Amino acid sequence: MVRAGVELAFEAMTASGIIDESAYYESLHELPLIANTIARKRLYEMNVVISDTAEYGNYLFANVATPLLREKFMPSVGTDVIGKGLGETSNQVD
């Protein structure tokens, strides 16, 4: 799911005219900072601690990403895939 989010963010940014290098940095290298903020402050408080520019971008992106995820991505994800791997004892990456 994280990989799909990074890919979707990269594709959305490059489609809007952001150069590949900047889109790569923003979509992948910022991920640990975002994950740590969510872990410490929880998702509902994240907009309080991020910059005004990032908050505005979040609102703009959410209006594009939510319909894409709801209408195009999630219908193709089967219920047999959701939650798969939660019983794994290993935390190794592919």
PDB file of N, CA and C in Angstrom:
ATOM      1  N   MET A   1       0.824  -1.186   0.000  1.00  0.00           N
ATOM      2  CA  MET A   1       0.000   0.000   0.000  1.00  0.00           C
ATOM      3  C   MET A   1       0.872   1.255   0.000  1.00  0.00           C
ATOM      4  N   VAL A   2       1.965   1.214   0.749  1.00  0.00           N
ATOM      5  CA  VAL A   2       2.864   2.371   0.780  1.00  0.00           C
ATOM      6  C   VAL A   2       3.493   2.562  -0.586  1.00  0.00           C
ATOM      7  N   ARG A   3       3.911   1.459  -1.197  1.00  0.00           N
ATOM      8  CA  ARG A   3       4.515   1.554  -2.525  1.00  0.00           C
ATOM      9  C   ARG A   3       3.534   2.163  -3.518  1.00  0.00           C
ATOM     10  N   ALA A   4       2.285   1.733  -3.480  1.00  0.00           N
ATOM     11  CA  ALA A   4       1.278   2.273  -4.390  1.00  0.00           C
ATOM     12  C   ALA A   4       1.074   3.763  -4.148  1.00  0.00           C
ATOM     13  N   GLY A   5       1.109   4.179  -2.891  1.00  0.00           N
ATOM     14  CA  GLY A   5       0.960   5.598  -2.576  1.00  0.00           C
ATOM     15  C   GLY A   5       2.113   6.430  -3.092  1.00  0.00           C
ATOM     16  N   VAL A   6       3.334   5.900  -2.964  1.00  0.00           N
ATOM     17  CA  VAL A   6       4.520   6.606  -3.466  1.00  0.00           C
ATOM     18  C   VAL A   6       4.458   6.702  -4.986  1.00  0.00           C
ATOM     19  N   GLU A   7       4.089   5.599  -5.642  1.00  0.00           N
ATOM     20  CA  GLU A   7       3.993   5.611  -7.102  1.00  0.00           C
ATOM     21  C   GLU A   7       2.905   6.563  -7.577  1.00  0.00           C
ATOM     22  N   LEU A   8       1.768   6.548  -6.906  1.00  0.00           N
ATOM     23  CA  LEU A   8       0.676   7.445  -7.275  1.00  0.00           C
ATOM     24  C   LEU A   8       1.077   8.900  -7.087  1.00  0.00           C
ATOM     25  N   ALA A   9       1.757   9.194  -5.995  1.00  0.00           N
ATOM     26  CA  ALA A   9       2.219  10.561  -5.751  1.00  0.00           C
ATOM     27  C   ALA A   9       3.211  10.988  -6.822  1.00  0.00           C
ATOM     28  N   PHE A  10       4.155  10.105  -7.160  1.00  0.00           N
ATOM     29  CA  PHE A  10       5.149  10.415  -8.195  1.00  0.00           C
ATOM     30  C   PHE A  10       4.465  10.683  -9.530  1.00  0.00           C
ATOM     31  N   GLU A  11       3.546   9.816  -9.916  1.00  0.00           N
ATOM     32  CA  GLU A  11       2.853   9.976 -11.193  1.00  0.00           C
ATOM     33  C   GLU A  11       2.013  11.243 -11.226  1.00  0.00           C
ATOM     34  N   ALA A  12       1.342  11.546 -10.130  1.00  0.00           N
ATOM     35  CA  ALA A  12       0.525  12.763 -10.081  1.00  0.00           C
ATOM     36  C   ALA A  12       1.393  14.012 -10.182  1.00  0.00           C
ATOM     37  N   MET A  13       2.543  13.996  -9.514  1.00  0.00           N
ATOM     38  CA  MET A  13       3.425  15.169  -9.557  1.00  0.00           C
ATOM     39  C   MET A  13       4.061  15.348 -10.931  1.00  0.00           C
ATOM     40  N   THR A  14       4.515  14.253 -11.548  1.00  0.00           N
ATOM     41  CA  THR A  14       5.120  14.390 -12.874  1.00  0.00           C
ATOM     42  C   THR A  14       4.070  14.768 -13.911  1.00  0.00           C
ATOM     43  N   ALA A  15       2.859  14.279 -13.757  1.00  0.00           N
ATOM     44  CA  ALA A  15       1.787  14.645 -14.687  1.00  0.00           C
ATOM     45  C   ALA A  15       1.421  16.120 -14.573  1.00  0.00           C
ATOM     46  N   SER A  16       1.633  16.694 -13.392  1.00  0.00           N
ATOM     47  CA  SER A  16       1.306  18.111 -13.212  1.00  0.00           C
ATOM     48  C   SER A  16       2.460  19.027 -13.607  1.00  0.00           C
ATOM     49  N   GLY A  17       3.586  18.433 -14.060  1.00  0.00           N
ATOM     50  CA  GLY A  17       4.676  19.245 -14.569  1.00  0.00           C
ATOM     51  C   GLY A  17       5.906  19.339 -13.691  1.00  0.00           C
ATOM     52  N   ILE A  18       5.903  18.686 -12.548  1.00  0.00           N
ATOM     53  CA  ILE A  18       7.079  18.695 -11.674  1.00  0.00           C
ATOM     54  C   ILE A  18       8.128  17.774 -12.292  1.00  0.00           C
ATOM     55  N   ILE A  19       9.388  18.208 -12.311  1.00  0.00           N
ATOM     56  CA  ILE A  19      10.428  17.381 -12.913  1.00  0.00           C
ATOM     57  C   ILE A  19      10.600  16.090 -12.121  1.00  0.00           C
ATOM     58  N   ASP A  20      11.060  15.059 -12.824  1.00  0.00           N
ATOM     59  CA  ASP A  20      11.155  13.723 -12.225  1.00  0.00           C
ATOM     60  C   ASP A  20      11.961  13.695 -10.934  1.00  0.00           C
ATOM     61  N   GLU A  21      13.088  14.411 -10.909  1.00  0.00           N
ATOM     62  CA  GLU A  21      13.954  14.388  -9.732  1.00  0.00           C
ATOM     63  C   GLU A  21      13.253  14.965  -8.505  1.00  0.00           C
ATOM     64  N   SER A  22      12.547  16.070  -8.702  1.00  0.00           N
ATOM     65  CA  SER A  22      11.822  16.686  -7.581  1.00  0.00           C
ATOM     66  C   SER A  22      10.666  15.809  -7.128  1.00  0.00           C
ATOM     67  N   ALA A  23       9.957  15.227  -8.085  1.00  0.00           N
ATOM     68  CA  ALA A  23       8.839  14.348  -7.744  1.00  0.00           C
ATOM     69  C   ALA A  23       9.334  13.120  -6.981  1.00  0.00           C
ATOM     70  N   TYR A  24      10.483  12.586  -7.400  1.00  0.00           N
ATOM     71  CA  TYR A  24      11.074  11.437  -6.706  1.00  0.00           C
ATOM     72  C   TYR A  24      11.404  11.802  -5.262  1.00  0.00           C
ATOM     73  N   TYR A  25      12.055  12.945  -5.084  1.00  0.00           N
ATOM     74  CA  TYR A  25      12.428  13.383  -3.740  1.00  0.00           C
ATOM     75  C   TYR A  25      11.188  13.583  -2.877  1.00  0.00           C
ATOM     76  N   GLU A  26      10.222  14.293  -3.407  1.00  0.00           N
ATOM     77  CA  GLU A  26       9.022  14.604  -2.626  1.00  0.00           C
ATOM     78  C   GLU A  26       8.200  13.364  -2.312  1.00  0.00           C
ATOM     79  N   SER A  27       8.141  12.414  -3.236  1.00  0.00           N
ATOM     80  CA  SER A  27       7.286  11.250  -3.012  1.00  0.00           C
ATOM     81  C   SER A  27       7.961  10.152  -2.195  1.00  0.00           C
ATOM     82  N   LEU A  28       9.282  10.004  -2.312  1.00  0.00           N
ATOM     83  CA  LEU A  28       9.939   8.898  -1.625  1.00  0.00           C
ATOM     84  C   LEU A  28      10.766   9.337  -0.422  1.00  0.00           C
ATOM     85  N   HIS A  29      11.594  10.343  -0.571  1.00  0.00           N
ATOM     86  CA  HIS A  29      12.501  10.728   0.509  1.00  0.00           C
ATOM     87  C   HIS A  29      11.792  11.451   1.656  1.00  0.00           C
ATOM     88  N   GLU A  30      10.645  12.018   1.393  1.00  0.00           N
ATOM     89  CA  GLU A  30       9.889  12.663   2.461  1.00  0.00           C
ATOM     90  C   GLU A  30       9.038  11.660   3.239  1.00  0.00           C
ATOM     91  N   LEU A  31       8.913  10.451   2.727  1.00  0.00           N
ATOM     92  CA  LEU A  31       8.059   9.443   3.356  1.00  0.00           C
ATOM     93  C   LEU A  31       8.410   9.156   4.817  1.00  0.00           C
ATOM     94  N   PRO A  32       9.700   8.981   5.187  1.00  0.00           N
ATOM     95  CA  PRO A  32      10.008   8.744   6.608  1.00  0.00           C
ATOM     96  C   PRO A  32       9.602   9.906   7.509  1.00  0.00           C
ATOM     97  N   LEU A  33       9.772  11.128   7.039  1.00  0.00           N
ATOM     98  CA  LEU A  33       9.353  12.285   7.841  1.00  0.00           C
ATOM     99  C   LEU A  33       7.846  12.287   8.050  1.00  0.00           C
ATOM    100  N   ILE A  34       7.122  11.990   6.992  1.00  0.00           N
ATOM    101  CA  ILE A  34       5.664  11.946   7.090  1.00  0.00           C
ATOM    102  C   ILE A  34       5.234  10.812   8.016  1.00  0.00           C
ATOM    103  N   ALA A  35       5.855   9.640   7.857  1.00  0.00           N
ATOM    104  CA  ALA A  35       5.504   8.490   8.698  1.00  0.00           C
ATOM    105  C   ALA A  35       5.787   8.769  10.170  1.00  0.00           C
ATOM    106  N   ASN A  36       6.915   9.409  10.464  1.00  0.00           N
ATOM    107  CA  ASN A  36       7.233   9.745  11.853  1.00  0.00           C
ATOM    108  C   ASN A  36       6.253  10.754  12.423  1.00  0.00           C
ATOM    109  N   THR A  37       5.865  11.730  11.619  1.00  0.00           N
ATOM    110  CA  THR A  37       4.889  12.721  12.081  1.00  0.00           C
ATOM    111  C   THR A  37       3.555  12.057  12.381  1.00  0.00           C
ATOM    112  N   ILE A  38       3.131  11.165  11.495  1.00  0.00           N
ATOM    113  CA  ILE A  38       1.870  10.453  11.719  1.00  0.00           C
ATOM    114  C   ILE A  38       1.972   9.589  12.975  1.00  0.00           C
ATOM    115  N   ALA A  39       3.107   8.912  13.158  1.00  0.00           N
ATOM    116  CA  ALA A  39       3.277   8.039  14.325  1.00  0.00           C
ATOM    117  C   ALA A  39       3.263   8.836  15.626  1.00  0.00           C
ATOM    118  N   ARG A  40       3.889  10.013  15.625  1.00  0.00           N
ATOM    119  CA  ARG A  40       3.967  10.810  16.849  1.00  0.00           C
ATOM    120  C   ARG A  40       2.687  11.592  17.111  1.00  0.00           C
ATOM    121  N   LYS A  41       2.126  12.189  16.085  1.00  0.00           N
ATOM    122  CA  LYS A  41       1.003  13.111  16.268  1.00  0.00           C
ATOM    123  C   LYS A  41      -0.342  12.545  15.824  1.00  0.00           C
ATOM    124  N   ARG A  42      -0.334  11.412  15.209  1.00  0.00           N
ATOM    125  CA  ARG A  42      -1.519  10.784  14.640  1.00  0.00           C
ATOM    126  C   ARG A  42      -1.972  11.561  13.406  1.00  0.00           C
ATOM    127  N   LEU A  43      -2.660  10.877  12.538  1.00  0.00           N
ATOM    128  CA  LEU A  43      -3.027  11.446  11.244  1.00  0.00           C
ATOM    129  C   LEU A  43      -3.908  12.679  11.370  1.00  0.00           C
ATOM    130  N   TYR A  44      -4.843  12.661  12.309  1.00  0.00           N
ATOM    131  CA  TYR A  44      -5.762  13.788  12.422  1.00  0.00           C
ATOM    132  C   TYR A  44      -5.085  15.050  12.935  1.00  0.00           C
ATOM    133  N   GLU A  45      -3.914  14.931  13.562  1.00  0.00           N
ATOM    134  CA  GLU A  45      -3.187  16.111  14.033  1.00  0.00           C
ATOM    135  C   GLU A  45      -2.065  16.530  13.089  1.00  0.00           C
ATOM    136  N   MET A  46      -1.865  15.769  12.026  1.00  0.00           N
ATOM    137  CA  MET A  46      -0.734  16.036  11.149  1.00  0.00           C
ATOM    138  C   MET A  46      -0.811  17.421  10.516  1.00  0.00           C
ATOM    139  N   ASN A  47      -1.992  17.845  10.111  1.00  0.00           N
ATOM    140  CA  ASN A  47      -2.121  19.160   9.474  1.00  0.00           C
ATOM    141  C   ASN A  47      -1.814  20.303  10.425  1.00  0.00           C
ATOM    142  N   VAL A  48      -1.838  20.064  11.703  1.00  0.00           N
ATOM    143  CA  VAL A  48      -1.527  21.111  12.671  1.00  0.00           C
ATOM    144  C   VAL A  48      -0.022  21.367  12.730  1.00  0.00           C
ATOM    145  N   VAL A  49       0.785  20.319  12.551  1.00  0.00           N
ATOM    146  CA  VAL A  49       2.228  20.455  12.732  1.00  0.00           C
ATOM    147  C   VAL A  49       3.005  20.682  11.441  1.00  0.00           C
ATOM    148  N   ILE A  50       2.395  20.466  10.281  1.00  0.00           N
ATOM    149  CA  ILE A  50       3.122  20.685   9.034  1.00  0.00           C
ATOM    150  C   ILE A  50       2.985  22.127   8.593  1.00  0.00           C
ATOM    151  N   SER A  51       3.786  22.524   7.623  1.00  0.00           N
ATOM    152  CA  SER A  51       3.778  23.912   7.161  1.00  0.00           C
ATOM    153  C   SER A  51       2.470  24.247   6.455  1.00  0.00           C
ATOM    154  N   ASP A  52       2.191  25.536   6.332  1.00  0.00           N
ATOM    155  CA  ASP A  52       0.976  25.978   5.648  1.00  0.00           C
ATOM    156  C   ASP A  52       0.975  25.545   4.187  1.00  0.00           C
ATOM    157  N   THR A  53       2.145  25.597   3.550  1.00  0.00           N
ATOM    158  CA  THR A  53       2.247  25.187   2.150  1.00  0.00           C
ATOM    159  C   THR A  53       1.939  23.702   2.005  1.00  0.00           C
ATOM    160  N   ALA A  54       2.503  22.891   2.896  1.00  0.00           N
ATOM    161  CA  ALA A  54       2.244  21.455   2.856  1.00  0.00           C
ATOM    162  C   ALA A  54       0.782  21.160   3.170  1.00  0.00           C
ATOM    163  N   GLU A  55       0.217  21.900   4.087  1.00  0.00           N
ATOM    164  CA  GLU A  55      -1.192  21.711   4.426  1.00  0.00           C
ATOM    165  C   GLU A  55      -2.076  22.015   3.221  1.00  0.00           C
ATOM    166  N   TYR A  56      -1.782  23.111   2.528  1.00  0.00           N
ATOM    167  CA  TYR A  56      -2.542  23.483   1.338  1.00  0.00           C
ATOM    168  C   TYR A  56      -2.380  22.414   0.253  1.00  0.00           C
ATOM    169  N   GLY A  57      -1.145  21.949   0.058  1.00  0.00           N
ATOM    170  CA  GLY A  57      -0.901  20.888  -0.914  1.00  0.00           C
ATOM    171  C   GLY A  57      -1.632  19.612  -0.557  1.00  0.00           C
ATOM    172  N   ASN A  58      -1.716  19.318   0.730  1.00  0.00           N
ATOM    173  CA  ASN A  58      -2.439  18.140   1.185  1.00  0.00           C
ATOM    174  C   ASN A  58      -3.918  18.237   0.824  1.00  0.00           C
ATOM    175  N   TYR A  59      -4.506  19.392   1.042  1.00  0.00           N
ATOM    176  CA  TYR A  59      -5.917  19.565   0.700  1.00  0.00           C
ATOM    177  C   TYR A  59      -6.138  19.443  -0.802  1.00  0.00           C
ATOM    178  N   LEU A  60      -5.237  20.026  -1.607  1.00  0.00           N
ATOM    179  CA  LEU A  60      -5.370  19.918  -3.060  1.00  0.00           C
ATOM    180  C   LEU A  60      -5.190  18.477  -3.517  1.00  0.00           C
ATOM    181  N   PHE A  61      -4.153  17.808  -2.984  1.00  0.00           N
ATOM    182  CA  PHE A  61      -3.868  16.433  -3.382  1.00  0.00           C
ATOM    183  C   PHE A  61      -4.985  15.491  -2.951  1.00  0.00           C
ATOM    184  N   ALA A  62      -5.529  15.708  -1.767  1.00  0.00           N
ATOM    185  CA  ALA A  62      -6.591  14.834  -1.266  1.00  0.00           C
ATOM    186  C   ALA A  62      -7.805  14.871  -2.180  1.00  0.00           C
ATOM    187  N   ASN A  63      -8.082  16.025  -2.758  1.00  0.00           N
ATOM    188  CA  ASN A  63      -9.225  16.127  -3.665  1.00  0.00           C
ATOM    189  C   ASN A  63      -8.994  15.360  -4.959  1.00  0.00           C
ATOM    190  N   VAL A  64      -7.737  15.127  -5.323  1.00  0.00           N
ATOM    191  CA  VAL A  64      -7.414  14.345  -6.514  1.00  0.00           C
ATOM    192  C   VAL A  64      -7.217  12.874  -6.155  1.00  0.00           C
ATOM    193  N   ALA A  65      -6.507  12.608  -5.072  1.00  0.00           N
ATOM    194  CA  ALA A  65      -6.139  11.236  -4.718  1.00  0.00           C
ATOM    195  C   ALA A  65      -7.323  10.410  -4.230  1.00  0.00           C
ATOM    196  N   THR A  66      -8.202  11.006  -3.456  1.00  0.00           N
ATOM    197  CA  THR A  66      -9.319  10.244  -2.900  1.00  0.00           C
ATOM    198  C   THR A  66     -10.202   9.646  -3.991  1.00  0.00           C
ATOM    199  N   PRO A  67     -10.643  10.430  -4.980  1.00  0.00           N
ATOM    200  CA  PRO A  67     -11.433   9.807  -6.053  1.00  0.00           C
ATOM    201  C   PRO A  67     -10.648   8.759  -6.846  1.00  0.00           C
ATOM    202  N   LEU A  68      -9.341   9.011  -7.084  1.00  0.00           N
ATOM    203  CA  LEU A  68      -8.530   8.025  -7.807  1.00  0.00           C
ATOM    204  C   LEU A  68      -8.460   6.713  -7.040  1.00  0.00           C
ATOM    205  N   LEU A  69      -8.197   6.806  -5.755  1.00  0.00           N
ATOM    206  CA  LEU A  69      -8.111   5.593  -4.944  1.00  0.00           C
ATOM    207  C   LEU A  69      -9.455   4.886  -4.852  1.00  0.00           C
ATOM    208  N   ARG A  70     -10.511   5.655  -4.657  1.00  0.00           N
ATOM    209  CA  ARG A  70     -11.837   5.070  -4.476  1.00  0.00           C
ATOM    210  C   ARG A  70     -12.360   4.445  -5.772  1.00  0.00           C
ATOM    211  N   GLU A  71     -12.185   5.132  -6.902  1.00  0.00           N
ATOM    212  CA  GLU A  71     -12.810   4.691  -8.149  1.00  0.00           C
ATOM    213  C   GLU A  71     -11.929   3.778  -8.995  1.00  0.00           C
ATOM    214  N   LYS A  72     -10.603   3.971  -8.946  1.00  0.00           N
ATOM    215  CA  LYS A  72      -9.734   3.214  -9.846  1.00  0.00           C
ATOM    216  C   LYS A  72      -8.885   2.161  -9.146  1.00  0.00           C
ATOM    217  N   PHE A  73      -8.356   2.479  -7.977  1.00  0.00           N
ATOM    218  CA  PHE A  73      -7.417   1.559  -7.333  1.00  0.00           C
ATOM    219  C   PHE A  73      -8.125   0.511  -6.481  1.00  0.00           C
ATOM    220  N   MET A  74      -8.968   0.928  -5.572  1.00  0.00           N
ATOM    221  CA  MET A  74      -9.562  -0.003  -4.608  1.00  0.00           C
ATOM    222  C   MET A  74     -10.475  -1.053  -5.240  1.00  0.00           C
ATOM    223  N   PRO A  75     -11.237  -0.749  -6.309  1.00  0.00           N
ATOM    224  CA  PRO A  75     -12.042  -1.825  -6.902  1.00  0.00           C
ATOM    225  C   PRO A  75     -11.205  -2.987  -7.436  1.00  0.00           C
ATOM    226  N   SER A  76      -9.945  -2.715  -7.806  1.00  0.00           N
ATOM    227  CA  SER A  76      -9.097  -3.787  -8.330  1.00  0.00           C
ATOM    228  C   SER A  76      -8.399  -4.583  -7.228  1.00  0.00           C
ATOM    229  N   VAL A  77      -8.513  -4.141  -5.986  1.00  0.00           N
ATOM    230  CA  VAL A  77      -7.893  -4.845  -4.864  1.00  0.00           C
ATOM    231  C   VAL A  77      -8.922  -5.799  -4.271  1.00  0.00           C
ATOM    232  N   GLY A  78      -8.609  -7.078  -4.354  1.00  0.00           N
ATOM    233  CA  GLY A  78      -9.529  -8.083  -3.833  1.00  0.00           C
ATOM    234  C   GLY A  78      -9.493  -8.153  -2.317  1.00  0.00           C
ATOM    235  N   THR A  79     -10.568  -8.623  -1.739  1.00  0.00           N
ATOM    236  CA  THR A  79     -10.622  -8.730  -0.282  1.00  0.00           C
ATOM    237  C   THR A  79      -9.664  -9.790   0.243  1.00  0.00           C
ATOM    238  N   ASP A  80      -9.212 -10.685  -0.638  1.00  0.00           N
ATOM    239  CA  ASP A  80      -8.236 -11.681  -0.209  1.00  0.00           C
ATOM    240  C   ASP A  80      -6.843 -11.080  -0.043  1.00  0.00           C
ATOM    241  N   VAL A  81      -6.613  -9.892  -0.603  1.00  0.00           N
ATOM    242  CA  VAL A  81      -5.311  -9.230  -0.529  1.00  0.00           C
ATOM    243  C   VAL A  81      -5.231  -8.303   0.680  1.00  0.00           C
ATOM    244  N   ILE A  82      -6.332  -7.685   1.045  1.00  0.00           N
ATOM    245  CA  ILE A  82      -6.342  -6.729   2.146  1.00  0.00           C
ATOM    246  C   ILE A  82      -6.042  -7.458   3.451  1.00  0.00           C
ATOM    247  N   GLY A  83      -5.028  -7.017   4.128  1.00  0.00           N
ATOM    248  CA  GLY A  83      -4.632  -7.626   5.386  1.00  0.00           C
ATOM    249  C   GLY A  83      -3.761  -8.859   5.236  1.00  0.00           C
ATOM    250  N   LYS A  84      -3.493  -9.258   4.005  1.00  0.00           N
ATOM    251  CA  LYS A  84      -2.657 -10.432   3.774  1.00  0.00           C
ATOM    252  C   LYS A  84      -1.248 -10.147   4.275  1.00  0.00           C
ATOM    253  N   GLY A  85      -0.691 -11.048   4.980  1.00  0.00           N
ATOM    254  CA  GLY A  85       0.660 -10.877   5.487  1.00  0.00           C
ATOM    255  C   GLY A  85       0.718 -10.375   6.914  1.00  0.00           C
ATOM    256  N   LEU A  86      -0.423 -10.057   7.501  1.00  0.00           N
ATOM    257  CA  LEU A  86      -0.408  -9.572   8.877  1.00  0.00           C
ATOM    258  C   LEU A  86      -0.021 -10.668   9.860  1.00  0.00           C
ATOM    259  N   GLY A  87      -0.183 -11.913   9.451  1.00  0.00           N
ATOM    260  CA  GLY A  87       0.181 -13.024  10.315  1.00  0.00           C
ATOM    261  C   GLY A  87       1.634 -13.445  10.171  1.00  0.00           C
ATOM    262  N   GLU A  88       2.366 -12.773   9.297  1.00  0.00           N
ATOM    263  CA  GLU A  88       3.775 -13.112   9.073  1.00  0.00           C
ATOM    264  C   GLU A  88       4.595 -12.818  10.321  1.00  0.00           C
ATOM    265  N   THR A  89       5.559 -13.672  10.595  1.00  0.00           N
ATOM    266  CA  THR A  89       6.436 -13.437  11.742  1.00  0.00           C
ATOM    267  C   THR A  89       7.698 -12.691  11.345  1.00  0.00           C
ATOM    268  N   SER A  90       8.018 -12.699  10.063  1.00  0.00           N
ATOM    269  CA  SER A  90       9.213 -12.005   9.576  1.00  0.00           C
ATOM    270  C   SER A  90       8.828 -10.606   9.106  1.00  0.00           C
ATOM    271  N   ASN A  91       9.697  -9.649   9.330  1.00  0.00           N
ATOM    272  CA  ASN A  91       9.425  -8.297   8.858  1.00  0.00           C
ATOM    273  C   ASN A  91      10.392  -7.895   7.749  1.00  0.00           C
ATOM    274  N   GLN A  92      10.941  -8.883   7.041  1.00  0.00           N
ATOM    275  CA  GLN A  92      11.859  -8.605   5.947  1.00  0.00           C
ATOM    276  C   GLN A  92      11.107  -8.029   4.758  1.00  0.00           C
ATOM    277  N   VAL A  93      11.768  -7.142   4.053  1.00  0.00           N
ATOM    278  CA  VAL A  93      11.201  -6.567   2.841  1.00  0.00           C
ATOM    279  C   VAL A  93      11.530  -7.491   1.689  1.00  0.00           C
ATOM    280  N   ASP A  94      10.589  -7.638   0.762  1.00  0.00           N
ATOM    281  CA  ASP A  94      10.759  -8.511  -0.404  1.00  0.00           C
ATOM    282  C   ASP A  94      12.173  -8.869  -0.563  1.00  0.00           C
TER     283      ASP A  94
END
